[in-house]
All heavy atoms as atom14 arrays in JSON, in Angstrom:
{
  "sequence": "EPEVAAVLQGAAGTIWRSVGPLLFDSRHFNRPHL",
  "atom14_mask": [
    [1, 1, 1, 1, 1, 1, 1, 1, 1, 0, 0, 0, 0, 0],
    [1, 1, 1, 1, 1, 1, 1, 0, 0, 0, 0, 0, 0, 0],
    [1, 1, 1, 1, 1, 1, 1, 1, 1, 0, 0, 0, 0, 0],
    [1, 1, 1, 1, 1, 1, 1, 0, 0, 0, 0, 0, 0, 0],
    [1, 1, 1, 1, 1, 0, 0, 0, 0, 0, 0, 0, 0, 0],
    [1, 1, 1, 1, 1, 0, 0, 0, 0, 0, 0, 0, 0, 0],
    [1, 1, 1, 1, 1, 1, 1, 0, 0, 0, 0, 0, 0, 0],
    [1, 1, 1, 1, 1, 1, 1, 1, 0, 0, 0, 0, 0, 0],
    [1, 1, 1, 1, 1, 1, 1, 1, 1, 0, 0, 0, 0, 0],
    [1, 1, 1, 1, 0, 0, 0, 0, 0, 0, 0, 0, 0, 0],
    [1, 1, 1, 1, 1, 0, 0, 0, 0, 0, 0, 0, 0, 0],
    [1, 1, 1, 1, 1, 0, 0, 0, 0, 0, 0, 0, 0, 0],
    [1, 1, 1, 1, 0, 0, 0, 0, 0, 0, 0, 0, 0, 0],
    [1, 1, 1, 1, 1, 1, 1, 0, 0, 0, 0, 0, 0, 0],
    [1, 1, 1, 1, 1, 1, 1, 1, 0, 0, 0, 0, 0, 0],
    [1, 1, 1, 1, 1, 1, 1, 1, 1, 1, 1, 1, 1, 1],
    [1, 1, 1, 1, 1, 1, 1, 1, 1, 1, 1, 0, 0, 0],
    [1, 1, 1, 1, 1, 1, 0, 0, 0, 0, 0, 0, 0, 0],
    [1, 1, 1, 1, 1, 1, 1, 0, 0, 0, 0, 0, 0, 0],
    [1, 1, 1, 1, 0, 0, 0, 0, 0, 0, 0, 0, 0, 0],
    [1, 1, 1, 1, 1, 1, 1, 0, 0, 0, 0, 0, 0, 0],
    [1, 1, 1, 1, 1, 1, 1, 1, 0, 0, 0, 0, 0, 0],
    [1, 1, 1, 1, 1, 1, 1, 1, 0, 0, 0, 0, 0, 0],
    [1, 1, 1, 1, 1, 1, 1, 1, 1, 1, 1, 0, 0, 0],
    [1, 1, 1, 1, 1, 1, 1, 1, 0, 0, 0, 0, 0, 0],
    [1, 1, 1, 1, 1, 1, 0, 0, 0, 0, 0, 0, 0, 0],
    [1, 1, 1, 1, 1, 1, 1, 1, 1, 1, 1, 0, 0, 0],
    [1, 1, 1, 1, 1, 1, 1, 1, 1, 1, 0, 0, 0, 0],
    [1, 1, 1, 1, 1, 1, 1, 1, 1, 1, 1, 0, 0, 0],
    [1, 1, 1, 1, 1, 1, 1, 1, 0, 0, 0, 0, 0, 0],
    [1, 1, 1, 1, 1, 1, 1, 1, 1, 1, 1, 0, 0, 0],
    [1, 1, 1, 1, 1, 1, 1, 0, 0, 0, 0, 0, 0, 0],
    [1, 1, 1, 1, 1, 1, 1, 1, 1, 1, 0, 0, 0, 0],
    [1, 1, 1, 1, 1, 1, 1, 1, 0, 0, 0, 0, 0, 0]
  ],
  "atom14_positions": [
    [[-3.05, 29.16, 151.61], [-4.48, 29.41, 151.46], [-5.14, 29.36, 152.84], [-5.97, 28.5, 153.11], [-5.11, 28.37, 150.54], [-4.53, 28.34, 149.14], [-5.16, 27.25, 148.29], [-6.25, 27.49, 147.74], [-4.56, 26.16, 148.19], [0.0, 0.0, 0.0], [0.0, 0.0, 0.0], [0.0, 0.0, 0.0], [0.0, 0.0, 0.0], [0.0, 0.0, 0.0]],
    [[-4.81, 30.3, 153.71], [-5.31, 30.24, 155.09], [-6.82, 30.38, 155.21], [-7.42, 29.78, 156.11], [-4.58, 31.39, 155.78], [-4.25, 32.35, 154.68], [-3.95, 31.48, 153.5], [0.0, 0.0, 0.0], [0.0, 0.0, 0.0], [0.0, 0.0, 0.0], [0.0, 0.0, 0.0], [0.0, 0.0, 0.0], [0.0, 0.0, 0.0], [0.0, 0.0, 0.0]],
    [[-7.45, 31.16, 154.34], [-8.89, 31.33, 154.44], [-9.61, 30.04, 154.07], [-10.6, 29.66, 154.72], [-9.38, 32.48, 153.56], [-10.84, 32.83, 153.8], [-11.23, 34.16, 153.2], [-10.36, 34.84, 152.61], [-12.4, 34.55, 153.34], [0.0, 0.0, 0.0], [0.0, 0.0, 0.0], [0.0, 0.0, 0.0], [0.0, 0.0, 0.0], [0.0, 0.0, 0.0]],
    [[-9.12, 29.35, 153.03], [-9.69, 28.05, 152.68], [-9.52, 27.09, 153.85], [-10.43, 26.33, 154.2], [-9.01, 27.47, 151.42], [-9.48, 26.04, 151.15], [-9.3, 28.35, 150.21], [0.0, 0.0, 0.0], [0.0, 0.0, 0.0], [0.0, 0.0, 0.0], [0.0, 0.0, 0.0], [0.0, 0.0, 0.0], [0.0, 0.0, 0.0], [0.0, 0.0, 0.0]],
    [[-8.33, 27.12, 154.47], [-8.07, 26.25, 155.62], [-9.06, 26.52, 156.75], [-9.59, 25.58, 157.36], [-6.64, 26.46, 156.11], [0.0, 0.0, 0.0], [0.0, 0.0, 0.0], [0.0, 0.0, 0.0], [0.0, 0.0, 0.0], [0.0, 0.0, 0.0], [0.0, 0.0, 0.0], [0.0, 0.0, 0.0], [0.0, 0.0, 0.0], [0.0, 0.0, 0.0]],
    [[-9.34, 27.79, 157.02], [-10.27, 28.14, 158.1], [-11.68, 27.65, 157.78], [-12.39, 27.13, 158.65], [-10.27, 29.65, 158.32], [0.0, 0.0, 0.0], [0.0, 0.0, 0.0], [0.0, 0.0, 0.0], [0.0, 0.0, 0.0], [0.0, 0.0, 0.0], [0.0, 0.0, 0.0], [0.0, 0.0, 0.0], [0.0, 0.0, 0.0], [0.0, 0.0, 0.0]],
    [[-12.11, 27.81, 156.53], [-13.43, 27.32, 156.12], [-13.51, 25.81, 156.32], [-14.51, 25.29, 156.84], [-13.72, 27.69, 154.65], [-14.97, 26.95, 154.14], [-13.91, 29.2, 154.5], [0.0, 0.0, 0.0], [0.0, 0.0, 0.0], [0.0, 0.0, 0.0], [0.0, 0.0, 0.0], [0.0, 0.0, 0.0], [0.0, 0.0, 0.0], [0.0, 0.0, 0.0]],
    [[-12.47, 25.1, 155.91], [-12.48, 23.64, 156.04], [-12.46, 23.21, 157.5], [-13.1, 22.21, 157.86], [-11.29, 23.04, 155.29], [-11.3, 23.22, 153.77], [-10.08, 22.57, 153.14], [-12.58, 22.64, 153.16], [0.0, 0.0, 0.0], [0.0, 0.0, 0.0], [0.0, 0.0, 0.0], [0.0, 0.0, 0.0], [0.0, 0.0, 0.0], [0.0, 0.0, 0.0]],
    [[-11.75, 23.93, 158.35], [-11.78, 23.59, 159.76], [-13.17, 23.79, 160.35], [-13.63, 22.99, 161.18], [-10.75, 24.41, 160.53], [-9.32, 23.95, 160.28], [-8.38, 24.34, 161.39], [-8.38, 25.5, 161.8], [-7.6, 23.4, 161.86], [0.0, 0.0, 0.0], [0.0, 0.0, 0.0], [0.0, 0.0, 0.0], [0.0, 0.0, 0.0], [0.0, 0.0, 0.0]],
    [[-13.86, 24.84, 159.91], [-15.23, 25.04, 160.35], [-16.14, 23.91, 159.89], [-16.97, 23.39, 160.65], [0.0, 0.0, 0.0], [0.0, 0.0, 0.0], [0.0, 0.0, 0.0], [0.0, 0.0, 0.0], [0.0, 0.0, 0.0], [0.0, 0.0, 0.0], [0.0, 0.0, 0.0], [0.0, 0.0, 0.0], [0.0, 0.0, 0.0], [0.0, 0.0, 0.0]],
    [[-15.97, 23.49, 158.63], [-16.77, 22.38, 158.1], [-16.49, 21.1, 158.87], [-17.41, 20.35, 159.2], [-16.45, 22.19, 156.62], [0.0, 0.0, 0.0], [0.0, 0.0, 0.0], [0.0, 0.0, 0.0], [0.0, 0.0, 0.0], [0.0, 0.0, 0.0], [0.0, 0.0, 0.0], [0.0, 0.0, 0.0], [0.0, 0.0, 0.0], [0.0, 0.0, 0.0]],
    [[-15.22, 20.85, 159.18], [-14.86, 19.67, 159.95], [-15.48, 19.72, 161.34], [-15.94, 18.7, 161.87], [-13.35, 19.54, 160.05], [0.0, 0.0, 0.0], [0.0, 0.0, 0.0], [0.0, 0.0, 0.0], [0.0, 0.0, 0.0], [0.0, 0.0, 0.0], [0.0, 0.0, 0.0], [0.0, 0.0, 0.0], [0.0, 0.0, 0.0], [0.0, 0.0, 0.0]],
    [[-15.52, 20.91, 161.93], [-16.12, 21.05, 163.26], [-17.56, 20.6, 163.28], [-18.02, 19.99, 164.25], [0.0, 0.0, 0.0], [0.0, 0.0, 0.0], [0.0, 0.0, 0.0], [0.0, 0.0, 0.0], [0.0, 0.0, 0.0], [0.0, 0.0, 0.0], [0.0, 0.0, 0.0], [0.0, 0.0, 0.0], [0.0, 0.0, 0.0], [0.0, 0.0, 0.0]],
    [[-18.3, 20.89, 162.21], [-19.7, 20.45, 162.12], [-19.78, 18.94, 161.95], [-20.61, 18.27, 162.58], [-20.39, 21.15, 160.94], [-20.44, 22.56, 161.21], [-21.81, 20.63, 160.76], [0.0, 0.0, 0.0], [0.0, 0.0, 0.0], [0.0, 0.0, 0.0], [0.0, 0.0, 0.0], [0.0, 0.0, 0.0], [0.0, 0.0, 0.0], [0.0, 0.0, 0.0]],
    [[-18.92, 18.37, 161.11], [-18.95, 16.92, 160.89], [-18.6, 16.17, 162.17], [-19.18, 15.12, 162.47], [-17.99, 16.53, 159.75], [-18.38, 17.24, 158.44], [-18.02, 15.01, 159.52], [-17.37, 17.07, 157.32], [0.0, 0.0, 0.0], [0.0, 0.0, 0.0], [0.0, 0.0, 0.0], [0.0, 0.0, 0.0], [0.0, 0.0, 0.0], [0.0, 0.0, 0.0]],
    [[-17.65, 16.7, 162.95], [-17.26, 16.02, 164.18], [-18.44, 15.84, 165.12], [-18.48, 14.89, 165.91], [-16.16, 16.8, 164.9], [-14.78, 16.53, 164.38], [-13.96, 17.39, 163.72], [-14.05, 15.3, 164.47], [-12.78, 16.78, 163.38], [-12.8, 15.49, 163.83], [-14.33, 14.05, 165.02], [-11.85, 14.48, 163.74], [-13.38, 13.04, 164.94], [-12.15, 13.26, 164.3]],
    [[-19.43, 16.7, 165.05], [-20.6, 16.56, 165.91], [-21.31, 15.23, 165.69], [-21.94, 14.69, 166.59], [-21.58, 17.71, 165.66], [-21.15, 19.05, 166.19], [-22.23, 20.09, 165.96], [-21.95, 21.35, 166.61], [-22.76, 22.39, 166.6], [-23.93, 22.31, 165.95], [-22.44, 23.51, 167.21], [0.0, 0.0, 0.0], [0.0, 0.0, 0.0], [0.0, 0.0, 0.0]],
    [[-21.22, 14.72, 164.45], [-21.87, 13.44, 164.12], [-20.94, 12.25, 164.32], [-21.37, 11.11, 164.19], [-22.35, 13.46, 162.66], [-23.25, 14.51, 162.43], [0.0, 0.0, 0.0], [0.0, 0.0, 0.0], [0.0, 0.0, 0.0], [0.0, 0.0, 0.0], [0.0, 0.0, 0.0], [0.0, 0.0, 0.0], [0.0, 0.0, 0.0], [0.0, 0.0, 0.0]],
    [[-19.69, 12.52, 164.6], [-18.69, 11.45, 164.71], [-18.38, 11.12, 166.17], [-18.35, 9.96, 166.57], [-17.39, 11.83, 163.97], [-16.28, 10.82, 164.23], [-17.66, 11.94, 162.47], [0.0, 0.0, 0.0], [0.0, 0.0, 0.0], [0.0, 0.0, 0.0], [0.0, 0.0, 0.0], [0.0, 0.0, 0.0], [0.0, 0.0, 0.0], [0.0, 0.0, 0.0]],
    [[-18.12, 12.14, 166.96], [-17.72, 11.92, 168.34], [-16.85, 13.05, 168.82], [-16.88, 14.14, 168.25], [0.0, 0.0, 0.0], [0.0, 0.0, 0.0], [0.0, 0.0, 0.0], [0.0, 0.0, 0.0], [0.0, 0.0, 0.0], [0.0, 0.0, 0.0], [0.0, 0.0, 0.0], [0.0, 0.0, 0.0], [0.0, 0.0, 0.0], [0.0, 0.0, 0.0]],
    [[-16.06, 12.83, 169.85], [-15.19, 13.9, 170.39], [-14.27, 14.45, 169.3], [-13.76, 13.69, 168.47], [-14.38, 13.18, 171.48], [-15.2, 11.99, 171.84], [-15.9, 11.57, 170.59], [0.0, 0.0, 0.0], [0.0, 0.0, 0.0], [0.0, 0.0, 0.0], [0.0, 0.0, 0.0], [0.0, 0.0, 0.0], [0.0, 0.0, 0.0], [0.0, 0.0, 0.0]],
    [[-14.08, 15.76, 169.31], [-13.23, 16.41, 168.32], [-11.85, 15.76, 168.3], [-11.15, 15.71, 169.31], [-13.09, 17.89, 168.65], [-12.21, 18.72, 167.72], [-12.78, 18.76, 166.32], [-12.04, 20.14, 168.26], [0.0, 0.0, 0.0], [0.0, 0.0, 0.0], [0.0, 0.0, 0.0], [0.0, 0.0, 0.0], [0.0, 0.0, 0.0], [0.0, 0.0, 0.0]],
    [[-11.48, 15.2, 167.13], [-10.18, 14.56, 166.94], [-9.91, 13.49, 167.99], [-8.79, 13.22, 168.37], [-9.07, 15.61, 166.91], [-9.17, 16.53, 165.67], [-8.52, 17.85, 165.93], [-8.55, 15.84, 164.47], [0.0, 0.0, 0.0], [0.0, 0.0, 0.0], [0.0, 0.0, 0.0], [0.0, 0.0, 0.0], [0.0, 0.0, 0.0], [0.0, 0.0, 0.0]],
    [[-11.03, 12.86, 168.44], [-10.95, 11.74, 169.4], [-10.25, 12.13, 170.71], [-9.78, 11.27, 171.44], [-10.23, 10.54, 168.77], [-10.77, 10.13, 167.44], [-9.95, 10.05, 166.33], [-12.12, 9.84, 167.28], [-10.46, 9.68, 165.09], [-12.63, 9.46, 166.05], [-11.81, 9.39, 164.95], [0.0, 0.0, 0.0], [0.0, 0.0, 0.0], [0.0, 0.0, 0.0]],
    [[-10.19, 13.43, 171.0], [-9.46, 13.91, 172.19], [-8.03, 13.39, 172.22], [-7.46, 13.12, 173.29], [-10.19, 13.49, 173.47], [-11.49, 14.25, 173.66], [-11.59, 15.4, 173.18], [-12.41, 13.7, 174.29], [0.0, 0.0, 0.0], [0.0, 0.0, 0.0], [0.0, 0.0, 0.0], [0.0, 0.0, 0.0], [0.0, 0.0, 0.0], [0.0, 0.0, 0.0]],
    [[-7.45, 13.24, 171.04], [-6.11, 12.66, 170.94], [-5.08, 13.75, 170.66], [-5.24, 14.56, 169.75], [-6.07, 11.64, 169.8], [-4.74, 11.32, 169.43], [0.0, 0.0, 0.0], [0.0, 0.0, 0.0], [0.0, 0.0, 0.0], [0.0, 0.0, 0.0], [0.0, 0.0, 0.0], [0.0, 0.0, 0.0], [0.0, 0.0, 0.0], [0.0, 0.0, 0.0]],
    [[-4.0, 13.76, 171.41], [-2.95, 14.76, 171.18], [-2.28, 14.52, 169.83], [-1.78, 15.46, 169.21], [-1.92, 14.74, 172.3], [-1.13, 13.47, 172.44], [-0.21, 13.51, 173.67], [0.57, 12.29, 173.83], [1.74, 12.09, 173.26], [2.27, 13.02, 172.49], [2.39, 10.95, 173.45], [0.0, 0.0, 0.0], [0.0, 0.0, 0.0], [0.0, 0.0, 0.0]],
    [[-2.26, 13.26, 169.37], [-1.63, 12.96, 168.08], [-2.43, 13.56, 166.93], [-1.87, 14.18, 166.02], [-1.49, 11.45, 167.89], [-0.58, 10.8, 168.88], [0.77, 11.04, 168.91], [-0.85, 9.93, 169.9], [1.31, 10.34, 169.89], [0.36, 9.67, 170.51], [0.0, 0.0, 0.0], [0.0, 0.0, 0.0], [0.0, 0.0, 0.0], [0.0, 0.0, 0.0]],
    [[-3.77, 13.39, 166.97], [-4.6, 13.94, 165.92], [-4.76, 15.45, 166.06], [-4.92, 16.17, 165.09], [-5.98, 13.28, 165.93], [-5.98, 11.86, 165.49], [-6.48, 10.86, 166.31], [-5.48, 11.5, 164.25], [-6.48, 9.54, 165.91], [-5.48, 10.18, 163.84], [-5.97, 9.19, 164.67], [0.0, 0.0, 0.0], [0.0, 0.0, 0.0], [0.0, 0.0, 0.0]],
    [[-4.71, 15.93, 167.32], [-4.96, 17.34, 167.57], [-3.78, 18.22, 167.17], [-3.96, 19.4, 166.87], [-5.3, 17.56, 169.04], [-6.08, 18.83, 169.28], [-6.96, 19.18, 168.5], [-5.75, 19.53, 170.33], [0.0, 0.0, 0.0], [0.0, 0.0, 0.0], [0.0, 0.0, 0.0], [0.0, 0.0, 0.0], [0.0, 0.0, 0.0], [0.0, 0.0, 0.0]],
    [[-2.57, 17.68, 167.16], [-1.38, 18.5, 166.9], [-1.44, 19.2, 165.54], [-1.28, 20.42, 165.45], [-0.12, 17.65, 167.01], [1.17, 18.43, 166.76], [2.38, 17.59, 167.16], [3.62, 18.28, 166.83], [4.3, 18.08, 165.72], [3.87, 17.21, 164.82], [5.41, 18.75, 165.5], [0.0, 0.0, 0.0], [0.0, 0.0, 0.0], [0.0, 0.0, 0.0]],
    [[-1.68, 18.46, 164.43], [-1.75, 19.16, 163.14], [-2.93, 20.12, 163.06], [-2.86, 21.15, 162.38], [-1.87, 18.03, 162.12], [-2.35, 16.86, 162.88], [-1.76, 16.99, 164.25], [0.0, 0.0, 0.0], [0.0, 0.0, 0.0], [0.0, 0.0, 0.0], [0.0, 0.0, 0.0], [0.0, 0.0, 0.0], [0.0, 0.0, 0.0], [0.0, 0.0, 0.0]],
    [[-4.03, 19.78, 163.76], [-5.18, 20.68, 163.8], [-4.79, 22.02, 164.42], [-5.1, 23.09, 163.87], [-6.31, 20.03, 164.6], [-7.49, 20.93, 164.84], [-8.5, 21.08, 163.93], [-7.8, 21.73, 165.9], [-9.39, 21.94, 164.42], [-8.99, 22.34, 165.59], [0.0, 0.0, 0.0], [0.0, 0.0, 0.0], [0.0, 0.0, 0.0], [0.0, 0.0, 0.0]],
    [[-4.08, 21.97, 165.54], [-3.67, 23.2, 166.21], [-2.65, 23.97, 165.38], [-2.67, 25.21, 165.35], [-3.09, 22.87, 167.59], [-4.09, 22.32, 168.6], [-3.38, 21.96, 169.9], [-5.21, 23.31, 168.85], [0.0, 0.0, 0.0], [0.0, 0.0, 0.0], [0.0, 0.0, 0.0], [0.0, 0.0, 0.0], [0.0, 0.0, 0.0], [0.0, 0.0, 0.0]]
  ]
}
């Protein structure tokens, strides 16, 4: 379901603005995102 995945990544991108650096600037958290 790649389109659903893309929508959810966009939604997460907005939420991260209220949380802090995207995926905490961590390579561990960023790997599955990429």
